[in-house]
Structure formats: structure tokens, C-alpha cells
Amino acid sequence: MSTPTACLALADGTLFFGQGFGATGDTVAELCFNTAMTGYQEIMTDPSYAGQIVTFTFPHIGNVGVNPDDDETQDPVAAGMVVKWMPTQSSNWRAAQELGDWLAARGRIAIGGVDTRRLTRAIRQLGAPHVALAHDPDGNFDTDALVAKARGFAGLEGVDLAKDVTCAQSYRWDEMTWAWPDGYTRQTAPKHKVVAIDYGAKRNILRCLASAGCDVTVLPATATAEDVLALEPDGVFLSNGPGDPAATGAYAVPMIQGVMEKEIPVFGICLGHQMLALALGAKTVKMNHGHHGANHPVKDHETGKVEITSMNHGFAVDSQSLPTGVLETHVSLFDGSNCGIRVADKPIFSVQHHPEASPGPQDSFYLFERFANFMSEKKTAHA
């Protein structure tokens, strides 16, 4: 057997050895698992994974390589990755680079040859652990030091990570979703002016807004209500993002409350959903191991339909804390946790899951159209 060149150390002292690829060195983070069978590149570049190392339960990671079109942000945001089988040479007509080379060029560490089934069971039973991941081509590891680093990781509770992944300044977005045979095209006849607050926005969310007829202006997470209203938007979108929603809410909640006073349509996704809930007076809680995957069944209470959704969150809205006038619209059929809310008789709503998928099913794309319809109705009422 070849000498291990990577080590994953859990804070409880458990060690997993394997073969390293990508960058060398070590990093510390929270460990989660993702059950998606596709989209490893999109997952690694999803800003919601800041501060986390991702264990992929699907074994064929790296088999289609990577390409510039599938990045959800400019560079990988997840701290590292854990896979069962070492990536083989890629085979796909869209591949532009091998996964290992891509990770190495972007400073992200990965480990292969790990019993991911055992690791996933541990995460489910014990909660998302703090870990240290090291890659040394010579196989020299100070395991005691790695365990100490894992134990020294502060964790994600109480941490505002949105400020680390948000845009530095505002920008416009008009690229629409990918479609055969033209790929990404531009929105040339938008009907609605939307301000999107970037708590760690995925590009495909912005594409879905453009495809729903929106002229999108993206503002940093720290934007104030005055910043937003100065642009005279038809609607305000609250994006996904990482970290503890209560920490980000310190500056996000006053902005959202200021926007809601003007009764402008508001739509939130993931962290944006949690931000809206906090602004309405609800609370959020840290989950044991979170929801990360592309096969999560969510029931829409208002239609009775079940959607298969993409999810990525480690915190959730406490449905018991929802105030009067705020309705629970969606729930997870895995554990009954809250997955959607709306304000009664107002065009304000949000969901915990990702209707833009990338990766995942597109069952929930109608939510972008619902947002567009709310903006159309508001314009008609004031015409």
C-alpha cells in the first residue's frame, strides 16, 4: 500500500488517512457532507460553503473535469474536499482542466481514498465536526498538532462570513441561464428593476433573475436601506450566503426592515430566507449536520405539491418562532424543518432551498416567476 499523503483529523482525535491532491499544506474548517451526484465544481465555488470542508458521498468526483462556465463565483470558496476515490482523468467535451490542477492553482486541499460512508455516518450521528485537513507529498504528519488545530477552530456559530464573500462594490448583471445550443445569453428586454443583496450570491441565481425578466443591480451585503431605495427598485432580492444568520443580521435586518416599510416585493433564498425571517421577528438555530444535497423533498403547504430541491445550509429558521402574520409555506420532508415563509397579504416571501439548483433539479424555478409576477402586480396597482 502506498504511503498516505493526506490526513483528515477530527477534533475528537479520529484520524482518516488517504492520498492528497490539489494544494499542499493544511487548513481548518467545519466538515459537512453533500449527497449530490453532479456539480462538484459548482459546490466548491458556492460561497455558502465558506468555512467548510465538503465530504462528497458520490464517489465519482472529478470525472468530468472543470470548466470556466460552471463556476458559481470566481474561485473555490469551500476550504477543501474529501472524496472516496481519487479523481481519474476527466472525460467530457466541456472539460478545460483536471480537478486536481484546478484545486492546486486555487489553493484548495483535497483528500481521496477515504471511507466517506463511515465519515458521513459520524457527521450525522455526532454533528458537523471541526477538522484539520493536511496534504504533504512526503507523508509527514504531526497528528497531535492537527487534532489541536481542529479543536482550536472557533466554528461557525456567531460568525458573520457574508462580509468575507460579498462583492466589494455594486455591479450590473444581465446574463441569463445556460441553454442549448447558445450557452449563456444576455437579457436585452428586462421588465423589472431588481436590487440583489449579495451575502454570497451564486451566479446561477442572478442568471435566473435575468431569465425571469429582471434588470439586476447587485449591492454588497452591508448596503443600507437608503442605498437600496436610492435605486428605486421594483423588487429586492436577498441572496444565499455562509455563516451564522444572527451575526449577519446585525446589519442586514435594519436594511430589510427599511425596505419592507415601502412594501416593495422581497424574495429571499437560503441565508436571504433566514435574514428575512429575522427581520420579521423570528429566530434561527444551528442544525446538527445541516442539509447539503440535490435530492431534498420539500412540501409546499399551499399547493400540496412536493418538490425535489437543492439545499445547502447549516442553520434553519425556527418555525415555532414565526410571528403572527408570517406563514410557513414549505417544510422539509426529511426532518420537518422550515423551508419557506411568506407575509400574509404582502408580496414578501422566501425559501430555504435553492430554486436555481446548479447543481440539482429545477422543480422550484417557478419562484423566480412568482417574484416577477409580484412586481408586475405592484406596477399595475400603481398605474
Protein backbone atom coordinates (compact mmCIF):
# COMPACT_ATOMS: atom_id res chain seq x y z
CA MET A 1 0.00 0.00 0.00
CA SER A 2 1.32 3.46 -0.88
CA THR A 3 2.26 5.90 1.86
CA PRO A 4 -0.61 8.25 2.81
CA THR A 5 -0.02 11.80 1.62
CA ALA A 6 -3.07 13.41 3.28
CA CYS A 7 -4.63 13.32 6.73
CA LEU A 8 -8.04 14.44 7.98
CA ALA A 9 -8.03 14.98 11.76
CA LEU A 10 -11.28 15.40 13.68
CA ALA A 11 -11.44 17.36 16.92
CA ASP A 12 -12.34 14.17 18.83
CA GLY A 13 -9.00 12.66 17.78
CA THR A 14 -10.29 10.45 14.95
CA LEU A 15 -7.89 10.31 12.00
CA PHE A 16 -8.54 9.48 8.35
CA PHE A 17 -5.57 8.93 6.05
CA GLY A 18 -5.62 8.99 2.25
CA GLN A 19 -3.96 10.39 -0.86
CA GLY A 20 -3.74 14.14 -1.24
CA PHE A 21 -4.38 16.17 -4.37
CA GLY A 22 -4.81 19.83 -5.09
CA ALA A 23 -2.80 22.25 -2.94
CA THR A 24 -0.38 21.23 -0.19
CA GLY A 25 -0.35 22.49 3.39
CA ASP A 26 -3.16 22.36 5.93
CA THR A 27 -6.45 24.07 6.68
CA VAL A 28 -9.11 24.00 9.41
CA ALA A 29 -12.89 24.18 8.95
CA GLU A 30 -16.24 22.64 9.80
CA LEU A 31 -16.86 19.34 7.98
CA CYS A 32 -20.13 18.67 6.15
CA PHE A 33 -21.27 16.14 3.57
CA ASN A 34 -23.05 16.67 0.25
CA THR A 35 -25.11 13.94 -1.42
CA ALA A 36 -25.34 15.49 -4.92
CA MET A 37 -24.34 13.19 -7.79
CA THR A 38 -23.33 16.09 -10.05
CA GLY A 39 -21.96 19.59 -9.74
CA TYR A 40 -18.82 19.25 -7.61
CA GLN A 41 -17.36 22.36 -9.26
CA GLU A 42 -20.48 24.40 -8.55
CA ILE A 43 -20.46 23.15 -4.95
CA MET A 44 -16.80 24.06 -4.39
CA THR A 45 -17.39 27.58 -5.77
CA ASP A 46 -20.65 28.17 -3.86
CA PRO A 47 -19.92 30.99 -1.36
CA SER A 48 -22.29 29.35 1.13
CA TYR A 49 -19.50 26.81 1.83
CA ALA A 50 -17.12 29.38 3.31
CA GLY A 51 -15.53 27.93 6.43
CA GLN A 52 -16.42 24.34 5.46
CA ILE A 53 -14.73 21.26 4.00
CA VAL A 54 -17.09 19.17 1.88
CA THR A 55 -17.28 15.37 2.00
CA PHE A 56 -18.78 14.11 -1.25
CA THR A 57 -20.85 10.96 -0.77
CA PHE A 58 -20.91 10.28 -4.53
CA PRO A 59 -17.64 8.52 -5.40
CA HIS A 60 -17.05 9.72 -8.98
CA ILE A 61 -15.71 13.20 -8.23
CA GLY A 62 -13.51 14.81 -10.90
CA ASN A 63 -14.67 12.56 -13.74
CA VAL A 64 -15.87 15.43 -15.95
CA GLY A 65 -13.07 17.84 -15.10
CA VAL A 66 -13.73 21.56 -14.62
CA ASN A 67 -14.53 24.45 -16.95
CA PRO A 68 -14.94 28.24 -16.55
CA ASP A 69 -18.69 28.19 -17.31
CA ASP A 70 -19.58 26.15 -14.22
CA ASP A 71 -18.02 28.41 -11.57
CA GLU A 72 -20.59 29.92 -9.21
CA THR A 73 -18.06 32.54 -8.18
CA GLN A 74 -14.56 33.36 -9.36
CA ASP A 75 -12.65 30.88 -7.17
CA PRO A 76 -13.43 27.94 -4.88
CA VAL A 77 -14.80 29.10 -1.54
CA ALA A 78 -15.06 25.76 0.27
CA ALA A 79 -11.87 25.18 2.28
CA GLY A 80 -11.28 21.68 0.93
CA MET A 81 -12.84 18.43 -0.24
CA VAL A 82 -12.96 14.77 0.83
CA VAL A 83 -13.69 12.01 -1.71
CA LYS A 84 -13.81 8.21 -1.75
CA TRP A 85 -11.89 7.60 -4.97
CA MET A 86 -9.00 9.62 -6.32
CA PRO A 87 -10.08 11.53 -9.45
CA THR A 88 -9.31 9.76 -12.71
CA GLN A 89 -8.50 11.52 -15.97
CA SER A 90 -11.52 13.59 -16.95
CA SER A 91 -13.72 12.68 -19.89
CA ASN A 92 -16.17 15.35 -21.03
CA TRP A 93 -16.41 17.60 -24.07
CA ARG A 94 -16.68 20.68 -21.84
CA ALA A 95 -13.64 19.86 -19.66
CA ALA A 96 -10.93 22.54 -19.76
CA GLN A 97 -8.81 21.40 -16.79
CA GLU A 98 -8.31 18.50 -14.38
CA LEU A 99 -9.89 18.87 -10.94
CA GLY A 100 -6.59 18.39 -9.07
CA ASP A 101 -4.78 21.02 -11.14
CA TRP A 102 -7.68 23.44 -10.69
CA LEU A 103 -7.65 22.98 -6.90
CA ALA A 104 -3.86 23.33 -6.71
CA ALA A 105 -3.90 26.57 -8.69
CA ARG A 106 -6.51 27.97 -6.33
CA GLY A 107 -5.00 26.86 -3.03
CA ARG A 108 -7.58 24.24 -2.06
CA ILE A 109 -6.61 20.95 -0.40
CA ALA A 110 -8.29 17.61 -1.15
CA ILE A 111 -8.00 14.05 0.12
CA GLY A 112 -9.01 10.88 -1.70
CA GLY A 113 -9.23 7.23 -0.68
CA VAL A 114 -11.34 7.97 2.40
CA ASP A 115 -14.20 5.81 3.71
CA THR A 116 -16.78 8.54 3.08
CA ARG A 117 -19.65 6.29 4.19
CA ARG A 118 -18.10 5.95 7.65
CA LEU A 119 -17.31 9.67 7.75
CA THR A 120 -20.85 10.62 6.73
CA ARG A 121 -22.33 8.39 9.44
CA ALA A 122 -20.11 10.11 12.01
CA ILE A 123 -21.28 13.55 10.86
CA ARG A 124 -24.95 12.51 11.04
CA GLN A 125 -24.60 11.00 14.50
CA LEU A 126 -22.28 13.49 16.16
CA GLY A 127 -22.99 16.69 14.24
CA ALA A 128 -20.71 18.62 11.87
CA PRO A 129 -17.22 18.27 13.43
CA HIS A 130 -14.35 20.71 13.42
CA VAL A 131 -11.46 19.27 11.43
CA ALA A 132 -7.96 19.89 10.14
CA LEU A 133 -7.02 18.68 6.65
CA ALA A 134 -3.36 18.34 5.65
CA HIS A 135 -1.64 17.37 2.38
CA ASP A 136 2.08 16.57 2.38
CA PRO A 137 3.54 14.69 -0.63
CA ASP A 138 6.17 13.18 1.69
CA GLY A 139 3.57 11.89 4.12
CA ASN A 140 4.95 13.61 7.20
CA PHE A 141 2.16 14.49 9.64
CA ASP A 142 2.17 15.73 13.22
CA THR A 143 -1.22 14.23 14.06
CA ASP A 144 -1.29 15.66 17.57
CA ALA A 145 -0.80 19.14 16.15
CA LEU A 146 -3.53 18.56 13.56
CA VAL A 147 -6.00 17.44 16.23
CA ALA A 148 -5.09 20.50 18.29
CA LYS A 149 -5.75 22.75 15.28
CA ALA A 150 -9.15 21.10 14.77
CA ARG A 151 -10.00 21.67 18.44
CA GLY A 152 -8.88 25.27 18.16
CA PHE A 153 -11.22 26.07 15.27
CA ALA A 154 -13.78 28.60 16.51
CA GLY A 155 -16.67 27.17 14.48
CA LEU A 156 -19.40 28.98 12.57
CA GLU A 157 -21.80 29.94 15.35
CA GLY A 158 -21.78 33.66 15.96
CA VAL A 159 -19.59 34.26 12.89
CA ASP A 160 -20.52 36.67 10.09
CA LEU A 161 -18.97 35.21 6.93
CA ALA A 162 -21.12 37.14 4.45
CA LYS A 163 -18.81 40.13 4.74
CA ASP A 164 -15.91 37.91 3.59
CA VAL A 165 -17.57 36.67 0.40
CA THR A 166 -19.73 39.62 -0.67
CA CYS A 167 -18.81 41.85 -3.61
CA ALA A 168 -16.58 44.85 -2.94
CA GLN A 169 -18.77 47.22 -4.95
CA SER A 170 -22.05 47.22 -6.84
CA TYR A 171 -22.37 45.85 -10.38
CA ARG A 172 -24.99 45.10 -13.03
CA TRP A 173 -25.94 41.59 -14.18
CA ASP A 174 -27.74 40.62 -17.41
CA GLU A 175 -26.51 37.08 -18.19
CA MET A 176 -29.34 34.50 -18.39
CA THR A 177 -29.36 30.75 -17.70
CA TRP A 178 -27.48 28.33 -19.94
CA ALA A 179 -29.46 26.86 -22.81
CA TRP A 180 -28.54 24.67 -25.76
CA PRO A 181 -27.11 25.49 -28.26
CA ASP A 182 -26.17 29.10 -27.46
CA GLY A 183 -24.98 28.70 -23.87
CA TYR A 184 -25.34 31.88 -21.80
CA THR A 185 -27.20 34.74 -23.50
CA ARG A 186 -27.96 38.29 -22.37
CA GLN A 187 -31.22 39.80 -21.14
CA THR A 188 -31.95 42.60 -23.62
CA ALA A 189 -35.56 43.47 -22.73
CA PRO A 190 -35.93 43.44 -18.94
CA LYS A 191 -39.32 44.27 -17.41
CA HIS A 192 -38.33 44.73 -13.78
CA LYS A 193 -35.60 46.58 -11.92
CA VAL A 194 -34.25 44.41 -9.12
CA VAL A 195 -31.66 45.09 -6.43
CA ALA A 196 -29.95 41.88 -5.30
CA ILE A 197 -28.16 41.92 -1.94
CA ASP A 198 -25.03 39.79 -2.15
CA TYR A 199 -24.48 37.77 1.02
CA GLY A 200 -22.52 35.28 -1.13
CA ALA A 201 -24.66 35.09 -4.25
CA LYS A 202 -24.30 32.23 -6.72
CA ARG A 203 -24.09 33.31 -10.34
CA ASN A 204 -26.91 31.00 -11.36
CA ILE A 205 -29.31 32.80 -9.02
CA LEU A 206 -28.53 36.06 -10.79
CA ARG A 207 -28.98 34.28 -14.15
CA CYS A 208 -32.40 33.03 -13.05
CA LEU A 209 -33.43 36.56 -12.09
CA ALA A 210 -32.30 37.82 -15.51
CA SER A 211 -34.17 34.96 -17.22
CA ALA A 212 -37.30 35.96 -15.30
CA GLY A 213 -37.11 39.41 -16.93
CA CYS A 214 -35.09 41.32 -14.35
CA ASP A 215 -32.51 44.07 -14.78
CA VAL A 216 -30.30 43.20 -11.81
CA THR A 217 -28.08 45.52 -9.78
CA VAL A 218 -26.03 43.70 -7.14
CA LEU A 219 -25.14 45.51 -3.90
CA PRO A 220 -22.74 44.42 -1.12
CA ALA A 221 -24.11 42.70 1.98
CA THR A 222 -23.59 45.85 4.06
CA ALA A 223 -25.83 48.00 1.86
CA THR A 224 -28.30 50.13 3.82
CA ALA A 225 -31.99 50.64 3.15
CA GLU A 226 -31.08 54.10 1.83
CA ASP A 227 -28.61 52.54 -0.62
CA VAL A 228 -31.26 50.14 -1.88
CA LEU A 229 -34.15 52.60 -2.11
CA ALA A 230 -31.99 55.18 -3.90
CA LEU A 231 -32.00 52.83 -6.91
CA GLU A 232 -35.83 52.83 -6.97
CA PRO A 233 -36.16 49.05 -7.43
CA ASP A 234 -39.33 47.21 -8.40
CA GLY A 235 -38.16 44.37 -6.15
CA VAL A 236 -35.40 43.40 -3.72
CA PHE A 237 -33.71 40.00 -3.71
CA LEU A 238 -31.81 38.56 -0.72
CA SER A 239 -29.16 36.03 -1.73
CA ASN A 240 -27.70 32.88 -0.26
CA GLY A 241 -24.52 33.01 1.81
CA PRO A 242 -22.43 31.44 4.60
CA GLY A 243 -22.10 31.79 8.35
CA ASP A 244 -24.44 32.43 11.26
CA PRO A 245 -27.53 34.38 10.14
CA ALA A 246 -27.84 36.03 13.56
CA ALA A 247 -24.38 37.57 13.13
CA THR A 248 -25.06 38.82 9.60
CA GLY A 249 -28.45 40.07 10.76
CA ALA A 250 -26.78 42.76 12.88
CA TYR A 251 -26.56 44.95 9.77
CA ALA A 252 -28.86 43.09 7.34
CA VAL A 253 -32.03 43.18 9.45
CA PRO A 254 -32.32 47.00 9.67
CA MET A 255 -31.87 47.23 5.89
CA ILE A 256 -34.58 44.64 5.20
CA GLN A 257 -36.98 46.25 7.65
CA GLY A 258 -36.44 49.62 5.96
CA VAL A 259 -37.23 48.10 2.56
CA MET A 260 -40.33 46.28 3.83
CA GLU A 261 -41.75 49.57 5.14
CA LYS A 262 -42.04 50.66 1.50
CA GLU A 263 -43.96 47.44 0.66
CA ILE A 264 -41.61 46.60 -2.19
CA PRO A 265 -41.73 42.92 -3.25
CA VAL A 266 -38.99 40.95 -1.47
CA PHE A 267 -37.70 37.46 -2.30
CA GLY A 268 -35.03 35.61 -0.29
CA ILE A 269 -33.12 32.35 -0.76
CA CYS A 270 -31.10 30.36 1.82
CA LEU A 271 -29.29 32.91 4.03
CA GLY A 272 -31.58 35.52 2.48
CA HIS A 273 -34.53 33.46 3.75
CA GLN A 274 -33.05 33.46 7.24
CA MET A 275 -32.33 37.20 7.04
CA LEU A 276 -35.96 37.89 6.10
CA ALA A 277 -37.21 35.69 8.95
CA LEU A 278 -35.02 37.56 11.45
CA ALA A 279 -36.25 40.89 10.09
CA LEU A 280 -39.82 39.72 10.65
CA GLY A 281 -39.09 38.76 14.27
CA ALA A 282 -38.35 35.04 14.02
CA LYS A 283 -35.24 33.19 15.25
CA THR A 284 -32.68 30.88 13.67
CA VAL A 285 -30.96 27.79 15.09
CA LYS A 286 -27.79 25.78 14.30
CA MET A 287 -28.61 22.38 12.80
CA ASN A 288 -26.89 19.13 13.79
CA HIS A 289 -25.40 18.45 10.36
CA GLY A 290 -27.41 20.67 8.02
CA HIS A 291 -28.86 19.95 4.61
CA HIS A 292 -26.43 19.63 1.70
CA GLY A 293 -27.52 17.89 -1.48
CA ALA A 294 -29.63 17.94 -4.62
CA ASN A 295 -32.33 15.44 -3.70
CA HIS A 296 -34.20 17.04 -0.78
CA PRO A 297 -38.01 16.70 -0.84
CA VAL A 298 -39.83 19.85 0.20
CA LYS A 299 -43.61 20.14 0.54
CA ASP A 300 -45.46 23.30 -0.42
CA HIS A 301 -48.23 23.61 2.18
CA GLU A 302 -50.23 25.95 -0.03
CA THR A 303 -50.43 23.69 -3.10
CA GLY A 304 -49.80 20.28 -1.56
CA LYS A 305 -47.09 19.61 -4.12
CA VAL A 306 -43.72 18.07 -3.29
CA GLU A 307 -40.63 19.50 -4.99
CA ILE A 308 -37.22 17.81 -5.16
CA THR A 309 -34.79 20.58 -4.31
CA SER A 310 -31.15 21.51 -3.94
CA MET A 311 -30.11 22.57 -0.44
CA ASN A 312 -27.06 23.91 1.32
CA HIS A 313 -27.49 25.25 4.83
CA GLY A 314 -26.29 24.56 8.36
CA PHE A 315 -28.71 26.94 10.12
CA ALA A 316 -32.51 26.95 9.93
CA VAL A 317 -35.44 29.21 10.74
CA ASP A 318 -37.22 28.12 13.93
CA SER A 319 -40.81 27.72 12.71
CA GLN A 320 -42.08 27.93 16.30
CA SER A 321 -40.78 31.49 16.48
CA LEU A 322 -42.65 32.82 13.42
CA PRO A 323 -44.77 35.81 14.48
CA THR A 324 -48.46 36.30 13.70
CA GLY A 325 -48.96 37.22 10.07
CA VAL A 326 -45.94 35.25 8.85
CA LEU A 327 -46.99 31.93 7.32
CA GLU A 328 -44.90 28.78 6.93
CA THR A 329 -45.21 27.81 3.27
CA HIS A 330 -42.68 25.00 2.81
CA VAL A 331 -41.26 22.23 5.01
CA SER A 332 -38.58 19.57 4.58
CA LEU A 333 -39.98 16.06 4.31
CA PHE A 334 -36.68 14.73 5.69
CA ASP A 335 -36.95 16.32 9.12
CA GLY A 336 -39.89 18.75 9.12
CA SER A 337 -37.66 21.83 9.35
CA ASN A 338 -38.82 25.14 7.90
CA CYS A 339 -38.14 25.69 4.21
CA GLY A 340 -40.28 28.71 3.32
CA ILE A 341 -42.29 31.66 4.64
CA ARG A 342 -44.42 34.49 3.34
CA VAL A 343 -46.01 37.57 4.85
CA ALA A 344 -49.79 37.42 4.72
CA ASP A 345 -51.30 39.74 2.12
CA LYS A 346 -47.90 41.18 1.11
CA PRO A 347 -45.50 40.33 -1.77
CA ILE A 348 -42.78 39.23 0.64
CA PHE A 349 -41.59 35.62 0.69
CA SER A 350 -38.51 33.40 0.93
CA VAL A 351 -37.37 29.78 0.77
CA GLN A 352 -34.58 27.84 2.41
CA HIS A 353 -33.85 25.66 -0.62
CA HIS A 354 -32.19 26.72 -3.89
CA PRO A 355 -34.66 27.11 -6.79
CA GLU A 356 -31.76 27.96 -9.11
CA ALA A 357 -30.27 24.49 -8.39
CA SER A 358 -26.82 24.36 -10.05
CA PRO A 359 -26.50 21.53 -9.32
CA GLY A 360 -29.89 19.95 -8.88
CA PRO A 361 -33.47 19.77 -10.13
CA GLN A 362 -35.40 22.76 -11.44
CA ASP A 363 -38.74 21.99 -9.77
CA SER A 364 -38.71 25.32 -7.91
CA PHE A 365 -37.83 27.74 -10.73
CA TYR A 366 -41.44 28.99 -10.59
CA LEU A 367 -40.46 31.00 -7.52
CA PHE A 368 -38.48 33.43 -9.71
CA GLU A 369 -41.57 33.82 -11.88
CA ARG A 370 -43.69 34.39 -8.77
CA PHE A 371 -41.32 37.19 -7.77
CA ALA A 372 -41.65 38.71 -11.26
CA ASN A 373 -45.44 38.43 -11.08
CA PHE A 374 -45.48 40.24 -7.73
CA MET A 375 -43.53 43.10 -9.30
CA SER A 376 -45.91 43.21 -12.28
CA GLU A 377 -48.93 43.29 -9.99
CA LYS A 378 -47.43 46.11 -7.93
CA LYS A 379 -46.84 48.17 -11.08
CA THR A 380 -50.38 47.51 -12.31
CA ALA A 381 -51.88 48.54 -8.96
CA HIS A 382 -49.99 51.84 -9.10
CA ALA A 383 -50.59 52.53 -12.78
